[in-house]
Amino acid sequence: MLAMETNIQIAIDGPAGSGKSTIAKAIASQLQLTHIDTGAMYRAVTLEAMERGIDLSNSAAYDFLASIQVRFTNNKIYLNEVDVTTKIHRPEVSERVSTVAAHKVVRDYMVQIQQQAAAEGRIIMDGRDIGTIVLPNAFIKIFLSASVEERARRRLTDYHAQGIDMNIQTLIDDINKRDHIDSTRNINPLRKADDAVLFDTTNTSIEESVTQLIELIRQRGKEHGYQL
C-alpha cells in the first residue's frame, strides 16, 4: 500500500544551463514537493563575497559565512532576509560563482545547510553535487545534460528577457569555463552519480522533460512505496 511519506528526497544534478532549476521547480509544483535550488544559494554567497570586496580566490576570506543567512523559500533566494533573486542572476555573478563554489570552506558550510533543509519534508533539490554528496540516499537521482550550444542559447534568452545584451559566443566560452571548473575541482566536483538516470534535454522542451521525468519519478516512487 502506498503511503504519503513525510520525507522524500529527489536529487537533480547537471551543468549550467541544463534546465535543472526550471525543471525541478515545475516537477515540485505538480507533485507538491518543496523545491530547493542550491545553485541559487551559491550565487547568494558569491554576491555577498563580491559586495564585501574580498579576494574570491582566497579561502581564508570566507570567514564571514557563519555570520550570514542564506535561505531558499517559495522559489526565491534570501540573503540576510533580503530577496536577491534577481541580483544573483546578473552576468557578473554568473561569471564568478564557480570560483566561489570551488572552496572547501564554502561547500562544507552550504552542504550542511542543504542537508538540514532536506531532513524533513517532500524535497526535490537541484545542483551539482546533490546525488553524490548532499543527498546520497535520495530514492531517485537524475543527471540532466544538454549541448553547450543549447545551454548558451537558453542563457542568452534569459539575459535578453532581463534586458541584458550578451553575445552567444561569450556565453559558450563562459559555460565551457564553468564546466571545466565544476568538473575538475578537488571538492565535490560535478559528476553523475553511479545510480543516477541520465536525461538529455538538448532537443526536449521543458514541458516534455517535466512530463517524462514525472512519469519516471512516479514509477520509481511506486517501487519504494511512495505516493507521488
C-alpha atoms as a PDB file:
ATOM      1  CA  MET A   1       0.000   0.000   0.000  1.00  0.00           C
ATOM      2  CA  LEU A   2       1.370   3.413  -0.963  1.00  0.00           C
ATOM      3  CA  ALA A   3       1.777   5.954   1.801  1.00  0.00           C
ATOM      4  CA  MET A   4       2.127   9.735   1.883  1.00  0.00           C
ATOM      5  CA  GLU A   5       5.722   9.791   3.110  1.00  0.00           C
ATOM      6  CA  THR A   6       6.837  12.642   5.352  1.00  0.00           C
ATOM      7  CA  ASN A   7      10.383  12.554   3.988  1.00  0.00           C
ATOM      8  CA  ILE A   8      11.020  12.100   0.277  1.00  0.00           C
ATOM      9  CA  GLN A   9      14.249  13.171  -1.393  1.00  0.00           C
ATOM     10  CA  ILE A  10      14.749  13.629  -5.145  1.00  0.00           C
ATOM     11  CA  ALA A  11      18.156  14.741  -6.447  1.00  0.00           C
ATOM     12  CA  ILE A  12      18.686  16.550  -9.737  1.00  0.00           C
ATOM     13  CA  ASP A  13      22.174  17.433 -10.944  1.00  0.00           C
ATOM     14  CA  GLY A  14      23.681  18.818 -14.113  1.00  0.00           C
ATOM     15  CA  PRO A  15      25.855  21.557 -15.583  1.00  0.00           C
ATOM     16  CA  ALA A  16      24.925  25.206 -16.081  1.00  0.00           C
ATOM     17  CA  GLY A  17      22.009  25.691 -18.454  1.00  0.00           C
ATOM     18  CA  SER A  18      20.873  22.071 -18.499  1.00  0.00           C
ATOM     19  CA  GLY A  19      17.457  23.065 -17.140  1.00  0.00           C
ATOM     20  CA  LYS A  20      17.887  21.863 -13.542  1.00  0.00           C
ATOM     21  CA  SER A  21      16.130  24.623 -11.670  1.00  0.00           C
ATOM     22  CA  THR A  22      13.336  25.233 -14.174  1.00  0.00           C
ATOM     23  CA  ILE A  23      12.531  21.531 -14.448  1.00  0.00           C
ATOM     24  CA  ALA A  24      12.815  20.892 -10.700  1.00  0.00           C
ATOM     25  CA  LYS A  25      10.537  23.844  -9.982  1.00  0.00           C
ATOM     26  CA  ALA A  26       7.888  22.531 -12.397  1.00  0.00           C
ATOM     27  CA  ILE A  27       8.094  18.998 -11.010  1.00  0.00           C
ATOM     28  CA  ALA A  28       7.789  20.351  -7.488  1.00  0.00           C
ATOM     29  CA  SER A  29       4.631  22.239  -8.416  1.00  0.00           C
ATOM     30  CA  GLN A  30       2.946  19.221  -9.978  1.00  0.00           C
ATOM     31  CA  LEU A  31       3.962  16.688  -7.316  1.00  0.00           C
ATOM     32  CA  GLN A  32       3.501  19.019  -4.333  1.00  0.00           C
ATOM     33  CA  LEU A  33       7.164  18.930  -3.360  1.00  0.00           C
ATOM     34  CA  THR A  34       9.395  21.558  -1.791  1.00  0.00           C
ATOM     35  CA  HIS A  35      11.975  22.758  -4.305  1.00  0.00           C
ATOM     36  CA  ILE A  36      15.443  23.791  -3.137  1.00  0.00           C
ATOM     37  CA  ASP A  37      17.749  25.423  -5.699  1.00  0.00           C
ATOM     38  CA  THR A  38      21.274  25.018  -4.312  1.00  0.00           C
ATOM     39  CA  GLY A  39      22.787  26.874  -7.246  1.00  0.00           C
ATOM     40  CA  ALA A  40      20.892  29.972  -6.136  1.00  0.00           C
ATOM     41  CA  MET A  41      22.334  29.510  -2.664  1.00  0.00           C
ATOM     42  CA  TYR A  42      25.897  29.503  -4.000  1.00  0.00           C
ATOM     43  CA  ARG A  43      25.084  32.542  -6.093  1.00  0.00           C
ATOM     44  CA  ALA A  44      23.894  34.342  -2.965  1.00  0.00           C
ATOM     45  CA  VAL A  45      27.206  33.612  -1.232  1.00  0.00           C
ATOM     46  CA  THR A  46      29.013  34.850  -4.339  1.00  0.00           C
ATOM     47  CA  LEU A  47      27.003  38.065  -4.288  1.00  0.00           C
ATOM     48  CA  GLU A  48      27.839  38.594  -0.605  1.00  0.00           C
ATOM     49  CA  ALA A  49      31.534  37.952  -1.253  1.00  0.00           C
ATOM     50  CA  MET A  50      31.568  40.401  -4.156  1.00  0.00           C
ATOM     51  CA  GLU A  51      29.802  43.093  -2.160  1.00  0.00           C
ATOM     52  CA  ARG A  52      32.338  42.633   0.645  1.00  0.00           C
ATOM     53  CA  GLY A  53      35.108  43.102  -1.901  1.00  0.00           C
ATOM     54  CA  ILE A  54      37.097  40.052  -0.793  1.00  0.00           C
ATOM     55  CA  ASP A  55      39.628  38.131  -2.854  1.00  0.00           C
ATOM     56  CA  LEU A  56      37.367  35.411  -4.252  1.00  0.00           C
ATOM     57  CA  SER A  57      40.288  33.025  -4.744  1.00  0.00           C
ATOM     58  CA  ASN A  58      41.355  33.208  -1.078  1.00  0.00           C
ATOM     59  CA  SER A  59      39.657  30.543   1.049  1.00  0.00           C
ATOM     60  CA  ALA A  60      40.562  32.356   4.268  1.00  0.00           C
ATOM     61  CA  ALA A  61      38.490  35.358   3.150  1.00  0.00           C
ATOM     62  CA  TYR A  62      35.252  33.409   3.605  1.00  0.00           C
ATOM     63  CA  ASP A  63      35.302  33.633   7.388  1.00  0.00           C
ATOM     64  CA  PHE A  64      32.107  35.703   7.101  1.00  0.00           C
ATOM     65  CA  LEU A  65      29.998  32.639   6.266  1.00  0.00           C
ATOM     66  CA  ALA A  66      28.924  31.940   9.837  1.00  0.00           C
ATOM     67  CA  SER A  67      27.548  35.485  10.136  1.00  0.00           C
ATOM     68  CA  ILE A  68      25.220  35.414   7.124  1.00  0.00           C
ATOM     69  CA  GLN A  69      21.928  33.693   6.410  1.00  0.00           C
ATOM     70  CA  VAL A  70      21.100  32.101   3.066  1.00  0.00           C
ATOM     71  CA  ARG A  71      17.596  30.736   2.564  1.00  0.00           C
ATOM     72  CA  PHE A  72      15.707  29.432  -0.467  1.00  0.00           C
ATOM     73  CA  THR A  73      11.947  29.665   0.081  1.00  0.00           C
ATOM     74  CA  ASN A  74       8.981  29.756  -2.317  1.00  0.00           C
ATOM     75  CA  ASN A  75      11.296  29.910  -5.325  1.00  0.00           C
ATOM     76  CA  LYS A  76      13.066  32.998  -4.013  1.00  0.00           C
ATOM     77  CA  ILE A  77      16.550  33.284  -2.541  1.00  0.00           C
ATOM     78  CA  TYR A  78      17.061  35.412   0.542  1.00  0.00           C
ATOM     79  CA  LEU A  79      20.405  36.729   1.729  1.00  0.00           C
ATOM     80  CA  ASN A  80      20.200  38.042   5.288  1.00  0.00           C
ATOM     81  CA  GLU A  81      16.398  38.140   4.828  1.00  0.00           C
ATOM     82  CA  VAL A  82      16.677  40.324   1.693  1.00  0.00           C
ATOM     83  CA  ASP A  83      15.269  38.971  -1.578  1.00  0.00           C
ATOM     84  CA  VAL A  84      18.215  38.808  -4.009  1.00  0.00           C
ATOM     85  CA  THR A  85      16.584  36.511  -6.580  1.00  0.00           C
ATOM     86  CA  THR A  86      17.112  38.960  -9.450  1.00  0.00           C
ATOM     87  CA  LYS A  87      20.557  40.204  -8.421  1.00  0.00           C
ATOM     88  CA  ILE A  88      22.153  36.752  -8.240  1.00  0.00           C
ATOM     89  CA  HIS A  89      21.428  36.104 -11.919  1.00  0.00           C
ATOM     90  CA  ARG A  90      23.388  39.086 -13.180  1.00  0.00           C
ATOM     91  CA  PRO A  91      26.265  38.147 -15.539  1.00  0.00           C
ATOM     92  CA  GLU A  92      28.943  39.323 -13.098  1.00  0.00           C
ATOM     93  CA  VAL A  93      27.689  36.824 -10.512  1.00  0.00           C
ATOM     94  CA  SER A  94      27.380  34.001 -13.054  1.00  0.00           C
ATOM     95  CA  GLU A  95      30.993  34.564 -14.112  1.00  0.00           C
ATOM     96  CA  ARG A  96      32.294  34.157 -10.556  1.00  0.00           C
ATOM     97  CA  VAL A  97      30.065  31.593  -8.840  1.00  0.00           C
ATOM     98  CA  SER A  98      32.150  28.560  -9.882  1.00  0.00           C
ATOM     99  CA  THR A  99      35.254  30.140  -8.357  1.00  0.00           C
ATOM    100  CA  VAL A 100      33.468  30.730  -5.058  1.00  0.00           C
ATOM    101  CA  ALA A 101      31.800  27.307  -5.019  1.00  0.00           C
ATOM    102  CA  ALA A 102      35.143  25.541  -5.506  1.00  0.00           C
ATOM    103  CA  HIS A 103      36.337  26.417  -1.985  1.00  0.00           C
ATOM    104  CA  LYS A 104      36.055  23.641   0.603  1.00  0.00           C
ATOM    105  CA  VAL A 105      35.028  26.052   3.346  1.00  0.00           C
ATOM    106  CA  VAL A 106      32.135  27.285   1.195  1.00  0.00           C
ATOM    107  CA  ARG A 107      30.966  23.840   0.110  1.00  0.00           C
ATOM    108  CA  ASP A 108      31.184  22.363   3.624  1.00  0.00           C
ATOM    109  CA  TYR A 109      29.090  25.201   5.001  1.00  0.00           C
ATOM    110  CA  MET A 110      26.485  25.064   2.237  1.00  0.00           C
ATOM    111  CA  VAL A 111      26.158  21.258   2.230  1.00  0.00           C
ATOM    112  CA  GLN A 112      25.386  21.368   5.939  1.00  0.00           C
ATOM    113  CA  ILE A 113      22.620  23.938   5.363  1.00  0.00           C
ATOM    114  CA  GLN A 114      21.226  21.985   2.418  1.00  0.00           C
ATOM    115  CA  GLN A 115      21.133  18.681   4.280  1.00  0.00           C
ATOM    116  CA  GLN A 116      19.352  20.328   7.199  1.00  0.00           C
ATOM    117  CA  ALA A 117      16.784  21.807   4.801  1.00  0.00           C
ATOM    118  CA  ALA A 118      16.126  18.369   3.283  1.00  0.00           C
ATOM    119  CA  ALA A 119      15.947  16.480   6.590  1.00  0.00           C
ATOM    120  CA  GLU A 120      12.166  16.723   6.712  1.00  0.00           C
ATOM    121  CA  GLY A 121       9.508  17.054   4.045  1.00  0.00           C
ATOM    122  CA  ARG A 122       8.981  16.080   0.434  1.00  0.00           C
ATOM    123  CA  ILE A 123      12.061  17.578  -1.215  1.00  0.00           C
ATOM    124  CA  ILE A 124      13.347  17.966  -4.753  1.00  0.00           C
ATOM    125  CA  MET A 125      16.791  19.552  -4.747  1.00  0.00           C
ATOM    126  CA  ASP A 126      18.900  20.572  -7.719  1.00  0.00           C
ATOM    127  CA  GLY A 127      22.563  21.442  -8.029  1.00  0.00           C
ATOM    128  CA  ARG A 128      25.893  19.941  -8.991  1.00  0.00           C
ATOM    129  CA  ASP A 129      26.645  17.548  -6.126  1.00  0.00           C
ATOM    130  CA  ILE A 130      23.200  16.614  -4.848  1.00  0.00           C
ATOM    131  CA  GLY A 131      23.155  12.950  -5.800  1.00  0.00           C
ATOM    132  CA  THR A 132      26.809  12.399  -4.924  1.00  0.00           C
ATOM    133  CA  ILE A 133      27.260  14.446  -1.735  1.00  0.00           C
ATOM    134  CA  VAL A 134      24.222  16.304  -0.385  1.00  0.00           C
ATOM    135  CA  LEU A 135      21.519  13.634  -0.761  1.00  0.00           C
ATOM    136  CA  PRO A 136      23.360  10.355  -1.426  1.00  0.00           C
ATOM    137  CA  ASN A 137      20.339   8.365  -0.223  1.00  0.00           C
ATOM    138  CA  ALA A 138      17.766  10.088  -2.460  1.00  0.00           C
ATOM    139  CA  PHE A 139      15.359   7.454  -3.802  1.00  0.00           C
ATOM    140  CA  ILE A 140      15.903   8.761  -7.326  1.00  0.00           C
ATOM    141  CA  LYS A 141      18.806  10.715  -8.788  1.00  0.00           C
ATOM    142  CA  ILE A 142      18.602  12.424 -12.160  1.00  0.00           C
ATOM    143  CA  PHE A 143      21.512  13.916 -14.095  1.00  0.00           C
ATOM    144  CA  LEU A 144      20.480  16.412 -16.762  1.00  0.00           C
ATOM    145  CA  SER A 145      22.663  17.237 -19.741  1.00  0.00           C
ATOM    146  CA  ALA A 146      22.452  19.339 -22.917  1.00  0.00           C
ATOM    147  CA  SER A 147      24.839  20.526 -25.593  1.00  0.00           C
ATOM    148  CA  VAL A 148      26.920  23.590 -24.806  1.00  0.00           C
ATOM    149  CA  GLU A 149      25.345  25.459 -27.719  1.00  0.00           C
ATOM    150  CA  GLU A 150      21.806  24.797 -26.486  1.00  0.00           C
ATOM    151  CA  ARG A 151      22.689  25.765 -22.935  1.00  0.00           C
ATOM    152  CA  ALA A 152      24.221  29.023 -24.188  1.00  0.00           C
ATOM    153  CA  ARG A 153      21.108  29.742 -26.260  1.00  0.00           C
ATOM    154  CA  ARG A 154      18.933  29.319 -23.162  1.00  0.00           C
ATOM    155  CA  ARG A 155      21.115  31.668 -21.146  1.00  0.00           C
ATOM    156  CA  LEU A 156      21.007  34.210 -23.972  1.00  0.00           C
ATOM    157  CA  THR A 157      17.201  34.098 -23.922  1.00  0.00           C
ATOM    158  CA  ASP A 158      17.194  34.587 -20.140  1.00  0.00           C
ATOM    159  CA  TYR A 159      19.526  37.583 -20.359  1.00  0.00           C
ATOM    160  CA  HIS A 160      17.520  39.204 -23.139  1.00  0.00           C
ATOM    161  CA  ALA A 161      14.388  38.801 -21.008  1.00  0.00           C
ATOM    162  CA  GLN A 162      16.200  40.786 -18.300  1.00  0.00           C
ATOM    163  CA  GLY A 163      17.182  43.469 -20.806  1.00  0.00           C
ATOM    164  CA  ILE A 164      20.836  42.398 -20.732  1.00  0.00           C
ATOM    165  CA  ASP A 165      22.743  42.401 -24.013  1.00  0.00           C
ATOM    166  CA  MET A 166      25.021  39.386 -24.366  1.00  0.00           C
ATOM    167  CA  ASN A 167      26.974  37.666 -27.135  1.00  0.00           C
ATOM    168  CA  ILE A 168      26.293  33.951 -27.759  1.00  0.00           C
ATOM    169  CA  GLN A 169      29.993  33.114 -28.179  1.00  0.00           C
ATOM    170  CA  THR A 170      30.784  34.828 -24.887  1.00  0.00           C
ATOM    171  CA  LEU A 171      28.204  32.599 -23.204  1.00  0.00           C
ATOM    172  CA  ILE A 172      29.585  29.454 -24.862  1.00  0.00           C
ATOM    173  CA  ASP A 173      33.070  30.334 -23.638  1.00  0.00           C
ATOM    174  CA  ASP A 174      31.770  31.086 -20.143  1.00  0.00           C
ATOM    175  CA  ILE A 175      29.847  27.808 -19.933  1.00  0.00           C
ATOM    176  CA  ASN A 176      32.868  25.819 -21.108  1.00  0.00           C
ATOM    177  CA  LYS A 177      34.947  27.547 -18.435  1.00  0.00           C
ATOM    178  CA  ARG A 178      32.365  26.843 -15.727  1.00  0.00           C
ATOM    179  CA  ASP A 179      32.057  23.215 -16.799  1.00  0.00           C
ATOM    180  CA  HIS A 180      35.813  22.797 -16.504  1.00  0.00           C
ATOM    181  CA  ILE A 181      35.973  24.386 -13.056  1.00  0.00           C
ATOM    182  CA  ASP A 182      32.932  22.478 -11.770  1.00  0.00           C
ATOM    183  CA  SER A 183      34.052  19.078 -13.041  1.00  0.00           C
ATOM    184  CA  THR A 184      37.739  19.322 -12.110  1.00  0.00           C
ATOM    185  CA  ARG A 185      37.611  20.959  -8.684  1.00  0.00           C
ATOM    186  CA  ASN A 186      39.012  18.878  -5.837  1.00  0.00           C
ATOM    187  CA  ILE A 187      35.989  19.314  -3.573  1.00  0.00           C
ATOM    188  CA  ASN A 188      32.655  17.743  -4.581  1.00  0.00           C
ATOM    189  CA  PRO A 189      33.128  18.010  -8.360  1.00  0.00           C
ATOM    190  CA  LEU A 190      30.239  17.876 -10.779  1.00  0.00           C
ATOM    191  CA  ARG A 191      29.736  14.287 -11.867  1.00  0.00           C
ATOM    192  CA  LYS A 192      26.935  11.851 -12.494  1.00  0.00           C
ATOM    193  CA  ALA A 193      26.245   9.566  -9.536  1.00  0.00           C
ATOM    194  CA  ASP A 194      26.672   5.902 -10.415  1.00  0.00           C
ATOM    195  CA  ASP A 195      22.984   5.237  -9.782  1.00  0.00           C
ATOM    196  CA  ALA A 196      21.649   8.398 -11.439  1.00  0.00           C
ATOM    197  CA  VAL A 197      19.446   8.416 -14.538  1.00  0.00           C
ATOM    198  CA  LEU A 198      20.977  10.399 -17.423  1.00  0.00           C
ATOM    199  CA  PHE A 199      18.459  12.640 -19.205  1.00  0.00           C
ATOM    200  CA  ASP A 200      19.464  14.810 -22.193  1.00  0.00           C
ATOM    201  CA  THR A 201      17.357  17.961 -22.597  1.00  0.00           C
ATOM    202  CA  THR A 202      19.034  19.297 -25.771  1.00  0.00           C
ATOM    203  CA  ASN A 203      16.115  18.525 -28.081  1.00  0.00           C
ATOM    204  CA  THR A 204      13.395  18.290 -25.459  1.00  0.00           C
ATOM    205  CA  SER A 205      11.203  21.178 -24.334  1.00  0.00           C
ATOM    206  CA  ILE A 206      10.795  21.971 -20.662  1.00  0.00           C
ATOM    207  CA  GLU A 207       7.219  20.671 -20.789  1.00  0.00           C
ATOM    208  CA  GLU A 208       8.266  17.411 -22.426  1.00  0.00           C
ATOM    209  CA  SER A 209      11.148  16.962 -19.988  1.00  0.00           C
ATOM    210  CA  VAL A 210       8.894  17.552 -16.992  1.00  0.00           C
ATOM    211  CA  THR A 211       6.255  15.105 -18.254  1.00  0.00           C
ATOM    212  CA  GLN A 212       8.794  12.348 -18.919  1.00  0.00           C
ATOM    213  CA  LEU A 213      10.621  12.854 -15.630  1.00  0.00           C
ATOM    214  CA  ILE A 214       7.431  12.897 -13.565  1.00  0.00           C
ATOM    215  CA  GLU A 215       6.477   9.560 -15.115  1.00  0.00           C
ATOM    216  CA  LEU A 216       9.916   8.211 -14.208  1.00  0.00           C
ATOM    217  CA  ILE A 217       9.743   9.593 -10.648  1.00  0.00           C
ATOM    218  CA  ARG A 218       6.273   8.166 -10.061  1.00  0.00           C
ATOM    219  CA  GLN A 219       7.319   4.756 -11.337  1.00  0.00           C
ATOM    220  CA  ARG A 220      10.408   4.739  -9.133  1.00  0.00           C
ATOM    221  CA  GLY A 221       8.283   6.009  -6.253  1.00  0.00           C
ATOM    222  CA  LYS A 222       5.905   3.046  -6.542  1.00  0.00           C
ATOM    223  CA  GLU A 223       8.900   0.729  -6.269  1.00  0.00           C
ATOM    224  CA  HIS A 224       9.769   2.395  -2.963  1.00  0.00           C
ATOM    225  CA  GLY A 225       6.208   2.566  -1.688  1.00  0.00           C
ATOM    226  CA  TYR A 226       5.901   6.343  -2.125  1.00  0.00           C
ATOM    227  CA  GLN A 227       2.781   8.175  -3.221  1.00  0.00           C
ATOM    228  CA  LEU A 228       3.669  10.879  -5.699  1.00  0.00           C
END
